[in-house]
């Protein structure tokens, strides 16, 4: 197993956290202790929101790990709209208080990616990625930004390789993340479970032994 996560605050949070810290001291100088305390509490809240905890990536090459931290809100059989196949969708709801760092669910190559803007009710943006493993297993990672989400900063692109549990982006404040796996995959989670990004196993690929 390997550990992942290197900073108390993720790089994506350095700017807003730094600005609020400076404002808290300026508030003390110009407005007094009340302003300092309010802004410093806001600073601490941002440090928590943008935290970058260590994650232990499982030593399981056939495992699909959770791309984000959050609650499993659905595990269901669907027709994959991107690859036109039967699939199982694991849907994760991420709140403002969950870790915002996104991680790749598997090791493999990004075969294609799609972007849509406001075509679904309650969704203002959707980013979707097709990742294929070296064993030819296909996984779709799809991120839906609702009206309350700010933006997503993605670090994976078509044609590139990505590693299991590798940092692959940042979803600011909230979102709904879908992971679509082959219908014969063994699901390891259920609705209501809480999962950790890069660490919790959502499913296992099933391959016939040689």
Protein backbone atom coordinates (compact mmCIF):
# COMPACT_ATOMS: atom_id res chain seq x y z
CA UNK A 1 0.00 0.00 0.00
CA UNK A 2 1.14 3.57 -0.62
CA UNK A 3 0.23 6.80 1.08
CA UNK A 4 -1.08 9.81 -0.78
CA UNK A 5 -1.66 13.36 0.44
CA UNK A 6 1.17 15.73 1.24
CA UNK A 7 -0.12 19.04 2.54
CA UNK A 8 -2.15 20.25 5.47
CA UNK A 9 -4.04 22.39 2.93
CA UNK A 10 -4.38 21.35 -0.74
CA UNK A 11 -2.61 23.56 -3.26
CA UNK A 12 -5.95 24.61 -4.74
CA UNK A 13 -6.84 26.17 -1.39
CA UNK A 14 -3.64 28.10 -0.76
CA UNK A 15 -4.85 31.31 -2.38
CA UNK A 16 -8.26 31.67 -0.63
CA UNK A 17 -6.83 30.49 2.70
CA UNK A 18 -3.91 32.92 2.43
CA UNK A 19 -6.17 35.83 1.51
CA UNK A 20 -8.48 35.25 4.48
CA UNK A 21 -5.50 34.91 6.85
CA UNK A 22 -4.14 38.27 5.68
CA UNK A 23 -7.59 39.85 5.95
CA UNK A 24 -7.93 38.59 9.52
CA UNK A 25 -4.77 40.43 10.59
CA UNK A 26 -5.79 43.55 8.65
CA UNK A 27 -9.16 43.35 10.37
CA UNK A 28 -7.42 43.32 13.75
CA UNK A 29 -5.36 46.39 12.85
CA UNK A 30 -8.18 48.48 11.38
CA UNK A 31 -11.39 47.11 12.92
CA UNK A 32 -10.38 45.43 16.17
CA UNK A 33 -10.56 42.02 17.80
CA UNK A 34 -14.12 41.17 16.78
CA UNK A 35 -13.26 41.41 13.09
CA UNK A 36 -10.09 39.38 13.67
CA UNK A 37 -11.93 36.58 15.48
CA UNK A 38 -14.68 36.34 12.83
CA UNK A 39 -12.19 36.27 9.96
CA UNK A 40 -9.86 33.86 11.77
CA UNK A 41 -12.74 31.43 12.34
CA UNK A 42 -13.46 31.70 8.61
CA UNK A 43 -9.76 30.98 7.97
CA UNK A 44 -9.92 27.82 10.11
CA UNK A 45 -13.09 26.71 8.30
CA UNK A 46 -11.35 27.11 4.93
CA UNK A 47 -8.34 25.14 6.19
CA UNK A 48 -10.71 22.30 7.04
CA UNK A 49 -12.63 22.52 3.75
CA UNK A 50 -9.40 22.51 1.69
CA UNK A 51 -7.63 19.85 3.77
CA UNK A 52 -5.43 17.26 2.07
CA UNK A 53 -5.39 14.18 4.35
CA UNK A 54 -3.18 11.18 3.70
CA UNK A 55 -4.87 8.30 1.93
CA UNK A 56 -3.68 4.69 1.85
CA UNK A 57 -4.12 3.38 -1.69
CA UNK A 58 -5.06 -0.33 -1.54
CA UNK A 59 -2.69 -2.87 -3.07
CA UNK A 60 -5.42 -4.28 -5.29
CA UNK A 61 -4.85 -3.72 -9.04
CA UNK A 62 -8.33 -5.03 -9.93
CA UNK A 63 -10.07 -2.70 -7.47
CA UNK A 64 -12.04 0.42 -8.39
CA UNK A 65 -11.44 2.98 -5.66
CA UNK A 66 -13.65 5.91 -4.82
CA UNK A 67 -12.69 9.08 -6.72
CA UNK A 68 -13.98 11.30 -3.92
CA UNK A 69 -15.08 11.40 -0.31
CA UNK A 70 -18.80 11.36 0.33
CA UNK A 71 -21.94 9.29 0.77
CA UNK A 72 -23.07 6.51 -1.56
CA UNK A 73 -26.56 7.58 -2.62
CA UNK A 74 -27.22 4.98 -5.34
CA UNK A 75 -25.93 1.64 -6.58
CA UNK A 76 -27.95 0.62 -9.61
CA UNK A 77 -27.92 -1.12 -12.97
CA UNK A 78 -28.08 1.35 -15.86
CA UNK A 79 -27.37 1.66 -19.56
CA UNK A 80 -24.08 3.49 -19.89
CA UNK A 81 -24.88 6.53 -22.11
CA UNK A 82 -21.23 7.03 -23.07
CA UNK A 83 -20.21 3.46 -23.99
CA UNK A 84 -23.72 2.12 -24.75
CA UNK A 85 -23.39 -0.97 -22.55
CA UNK A 86 -25.06 -2.44 -19.46
CA UNK A 87 -23.26 -1.13 -16.39
CA UNK A 88 -23.52 -0.62 -12.65
CA UNK A 89 -23.51 2.99 -11.48
CA UNK A 90 -22.14 3.93 -8.08
CA UNK A 91 -23.25 7.48 -7.28
CA UNK A 92 -21.50 9.52 -4.59
CA UNK A 93 -22.75 12.78 -3.11
CA UNK A 94 -20.00 15.12 -2.00
CA UNK A 95 -20.81 17.95 0.41
CA UNK A 96 -18.97 21.16 1.22
CA UNK A 97 -17.44 19.46 4.29
CA UNK A 98 -16.00 16.47 2.41
CA UNK A 99 -12.43 16.42 1.11
CA UNK A 100 -12.54 18.19 -2.26
CA UNK A 101 -9.61 16.38 -3.93
CA UNK A 102 -10.56 14.00 -6.75
CA UNK A 103 -8.65 10.78 -7.44
CA UNK A 104 -8.56 8.34 -10.33
CA UNK A 105 -10.64 5.21 -9.62
CA UNK A 106 -8.29 2.91 -11.55
CA UNK A 107 -4.95 2.74 -13.30
CA UNK A 108 -5.19 2.99 -17.06
CA UNK A 109 -5.41 5.23 -20.10
CA UNK A 110 -7.96 8.00 -20.61
CA UNK A 111 -9.58 6.97 -23.88
CA UNK A 112 -12.03 9.85 -24.28
CA UNK A 113 -13.63 12.72 -22.39
CA UNK A 114 -16.87 14.68 -22.67
CA UNK A 115 -18.16 18.00 -21.40
CA UNK A 116 -21.74 19.23 -21.23
CA UNK A 117 -23.12 22.53 -20.01
CA UNK A 118 -26.56 22.80 -18.42
CA UNK A 119 -28.26 19.96 -20.33
CA UNK A 120 -29.63 18.21 -17.23
CA UNK A 121 -32.03 19.47 -14.60
CA UNK A 122 -30.14 20.70 -11.55
CA UNK A 123 -26.75 20.29 -13.26
CA UNK A 124 -24.84 23.28 -14.59
CA UNK A 125 -21.76 21.36 -15.82
CA UNK A 126 -20.75 17.73 -16.31
CA UNK A 127 -17.27 16.34 -16.92
CA UNK A 128 -17.01 12.68 -17.97
CA UNK A 129 -13.98 10.45 -18.62
CA UNK A 130 -13.56 6.99 -20.11
CA UNK A 131 -10.63 5.13 -18.54
CA UNK A 132 -9.49 1.71 -19.79
CA UNK A 133 -7.25 -0.55 -17.72
CA UNK A 134 -4.40 -2.63 -19.13
CA UNK A 135 -6.74 -5.63 -18.70
CA UNK A 136 -9.30 -3.87 -20.98
CA UNK A 137 -11.80 -3.07 -18.23
CA UNK A 138 -13.73 0.13 -18.92
CA UNK A 139 -14.72 2.65 -16.25
CA UNK A 140 -16.60 5.90 -16.69
CA UNK A 141 -15.93 8.71 -14.22
CA UNK A 142 -18.56 11.44 -14.46
CA UNK A 143 -18.73 14.60 -12.34
CA UNK A 144 -21.91 16.66 -12.14
CA UNK A 145 -21.67 20.17 -10.74
CA UNK A 146 -24.95 21.32 -9.26
CA UNK A 147 -26.11 24.89 -8.82
CA UNK A 148 -24.29 25.14 -5.48
CA UNK A 149 -20.94 23.92 -6.82
CA UNK A 150 -18.37 26.51 -7.84
CA UNK A 151 -16.16 24.77 -10.40
CA UNK A 152 -14.01 21.72 -11.11
CA UNK A 153 -10.31 21.77 -11.87
CA UNK A 154 -9.45 18.59 -13.76
CA UNK A 155 -5.97 17.09 -14.06
CA UNK A 156 -6.64 14.14 -16.40
CA UNK A 157 -6.95 14.40 -20.16
CA UNK A 158 -7.66 12.20 -23.16
CA UNK A 159 -4.63 10.16 -24.26
CA UNK A 160 -2.88 10.31 -20.89
CA UNK A 161 -2.32 7.55 -18.36
CA UNK A 162 -3.50 7.83 -14.80
CA UNK A 163 -2.76 5.77 -11.70
CA UNK A 164 -5.12 4.15 -9.22
CA UNK A 165 -5.81 6.72 -6.48
CA UNK A 166 -3.75 9.37 -8.27
CA UNK A 167 -4.70 13.01 -7.71
CA UNK A 168 -6.81 13.85 -10.77
CA UNK A 169 -8.55 17.11 -9.96
CA UNK A 170 -10.34 19.29 -7.46
CA UNK A 171 -14.08 19.83 -7.07
CA UNK A 172 -14.82 23.09 -5.31
CA UNK A 173 -17.45 22.82 -2.54
CA UNK A 174 -19.88 20.09 -3.69
CA UNK A 175 -20.88 17.73 -6.46
CA UNK A 176 -22.39 14.42 -7.56
CA UNK A 177 -19.91 11.85 -8.85
CA UNK A 178 -20.84 8.75 -10.86
CA UNK A 179 -18.57 5.75 -11.39
CA UNK A 180 -19.86 3.28 -14.00
CA UNK A 181 -18.29 -0.19 -14.01
CA UNK A 182 -18.97 -3.35 -16.08
CA UNK A 183 -22.13 -5.20 -15.06
CA UNK A 184 -20.11 -8.26 -13.99
CA UNK A 185 -18.01 -6.28 -11.49
CA UNK A 186 -18.33 -7.27 -7.83
CA UNK A 187 -19.74 -4.32 -5.90
CA UNK A 188 -18.20 -3.74 -2.48
CA UNK A 189 -20.39 -0.89 -1.22
CA UNK A 190 -24.08 -0.17 -0.61
CA UNK A 191 -26.31 2.88 -0.34
CA UNK A 192 -25.66 4.89 2.80
CA UNK A 193 -21.97 3.96 3.05
CA UNK A 194 -19.41 6.73 3.53
CA UNK A 195 -16.35 6.40 1.30
CA UNK A 196 -12.89 7.98 1.28
CA UNK A 197 -11.23 9.24 -1.89
CA UNK A 198 -8.52 6.93 -3.25
CA UNK A 199 -8.90 4.50 -0.36
CA UNK A 200 -12.38 2.97 -0.21
CA UNK A 201 -13.02 0.17 -2.73
CA UNK A 202 -16.24 0.55 -4.73
CA UNK A 203 -15.94 -2.58 -6.85
CA UNK A 204 -13.63 -5.37 -8.00
CA UNK A 205 -13.16 -6.47 -11.61
CA UNK A 206 -13.84 -10.17 -12.17
CA UNK A 207 -11.47 -11.99 -14.51
CA UNK A 208 -11.47 -15.69 -15.28
CA UNK A 209 -8.27 -17.32 -14.02
CA UNK A 210 -5.94 -18.53 -16.69
